Amino acid sequence: MKLLDIQLYEDDLRKTIRNLDLSVLDGRTVAVTGGLGLIGSTIVDLLVTYGKLKNIFVLGRKQNKFEERFRDIKNIQFVPY
């Protein structure tokens, strides 16, 4: 089960979004380094839940971990390093 499938987690992300002004990111492309780690993946989840970005690039080492967590999400791509 992916974290974004858990309603409580999604509710917490939406509460966080309500308390932040992310409008500066509307329509932009963002790269998240370490996007598969604890903090990075939470930031990616937050940006995905916000839903107004053009693209999200997740920089990480393990493509299989990326596929497990984010494969069904559009506008998100893996960049290995």
Protein backbone atom coordinates (compact mmCIF):
# COMPACT_ATOMS: atom_id res chain seq x y z
CA MET A 1 0.00 0.00 0.00
CA LYS A 2 1.27 3.46 -0.92
CA LEU A 3 1.13 6.24 1.64
CA LEU A 4 -0.97 8.40 -0.67
CA ASP A 5 -3.63 5.67 -0.53
CA ILE A 6 -4.03 6.19 3.22
CA GLN A 7 -6.79 8.71 3.91
CA LEU A 8 -5.31 10.01 7.18
CA TYR A 9 -1.99 10.76 5.45
CA GLU A 10 -3.73 12.55 2.57
CA ASP A 11 -5.83 14.56 5.05
CA ASP A 12 -2.64 15.65 6.85
CA LEU A 13 -1.08 16.71 3.53
CA ARG A 14 -4.16 18.76 2.64
CA LYS A 15 -4.10 20.47 6.07
CA THR A 16 -0.46 21.35 5.50
CA ILE A 17 -1.22 22.76 2.04
CA ARG A 18 -3.93 24.99 3.50
CA ASN A 19 -1.31 26.48 5.84
CA LEU A 20 1.25 27.17 3.09
CA ASP A 21 1.25 29.56 0.15
CA LEU A 22 2.38 27.31 -2.70
CA SER A 23 0.88 29.50 -5.42
CA VAL A 24 4.38 30.59 -6.47
CA LEU A 25 4.82 27.01 -7.78
CA ASP A 26 1.69 26.98 -9.95
CA GLY A 27 2.53 25.71 -13.44
CA ARG A 28 6.22 25.30 -12.64
CA THR A 29 8.60 22.36 -12.85
CA VAL A 30 10.26 21.26 -9.60
CA ALA A 31 13.16 18.89 -8.91
CA VAL A 32 13.37 17.20 -5.52
CA THR A 33 16.77 15.77 -4.64
CA GLY A 34 16.61 12.81 -2.30
CA GLY A 35 12.99 12.43 -3.34
CA LEU A 36 12.87 8.81 -2.21
CA GLY A 37 14.05 9.40 1.34
CA LEU A 38 11.87 10.20 4.35
CA ILE A 39 11.75 13.98 4.01
CA GLY A 40 12.12 14.15 0.22
CA SER A 41 9.32 11.69 -0.46
CA THR A 42 7.03 13.59 1.90
CA ILE A 43 7.79 16.79 -0.01
CA VAL A 44 6.98 14.99 -3.27
CA ASP A 45 3.72 13.70 -1.76
CA LEU A 46 2.87 17.26 -0.69
CA LEU A 47 3.54 18.62 -4.19
CA VAL A 48 1.54 15.82 -5.83
CA THR A 49 -1.38 16.45 -3.49
CA TYR A 50 -1.17 20.20 -4.23
CA GLY A 51 -1.59 19.23 -7.89
CA LYS A 52 -0.81 22.51 -9.65
CA LEU A 53 2.76 21.84 -10.80
CA LYS A 54 3.65 21.23 -14.43
CA ASN A 55 6.25 18.51 -13.69
CA ILE A 56 8.01 17.00 -10.71
CA PHE A 57 11.43 15.40 -11.16
CA VAL A 58 12.41 13.02 -8.38
CA LEU A 59 16.18 12.60 -8.10
CA GLY A 60 17.19 9.37 -6.43
CA ARG A 61 19.31 6.25 -6.55
CA LYS A 62 16.80 3.42 -6.74
CA GLN A 63 14.42 3.42 -9.67
CA ASN A 64 12.58 0.38 -8.31
CA LYS A 65 11.75 2.32 -5.14
CA PHE A 66 10.48 5.20 -7.30
CA GLU A 67 8.32 2.79 -9.33
CA GLU A 68 6.82 1.28 -6.17
CA ARG A 69 5.89 4.64 -4.72
CA PHE A 70 5.09 6.94 -7.64
CA ARG A 71 4.45 4.88 -10.79
CA ASP A 72 0.73 5.72 -11.09
CA ILE A 73 1.18 9.47 -10.75
CA LYS A 74 1.25 11.60 -13.90
CA ASN A 75 3.66 14.51 -14.39
CA ILE A 76 6.33 12.90 -12.22
CA GLN A 77 9.61 11.49 -13.53
CA PHE A 78 12.60 9.70 -12.04
CA VAL A 79 16.12 11.08 -12.52
CA PRO A 80 18.88 8.71 -11.34
CA TYR A 81 22.05 9.99 -9.72
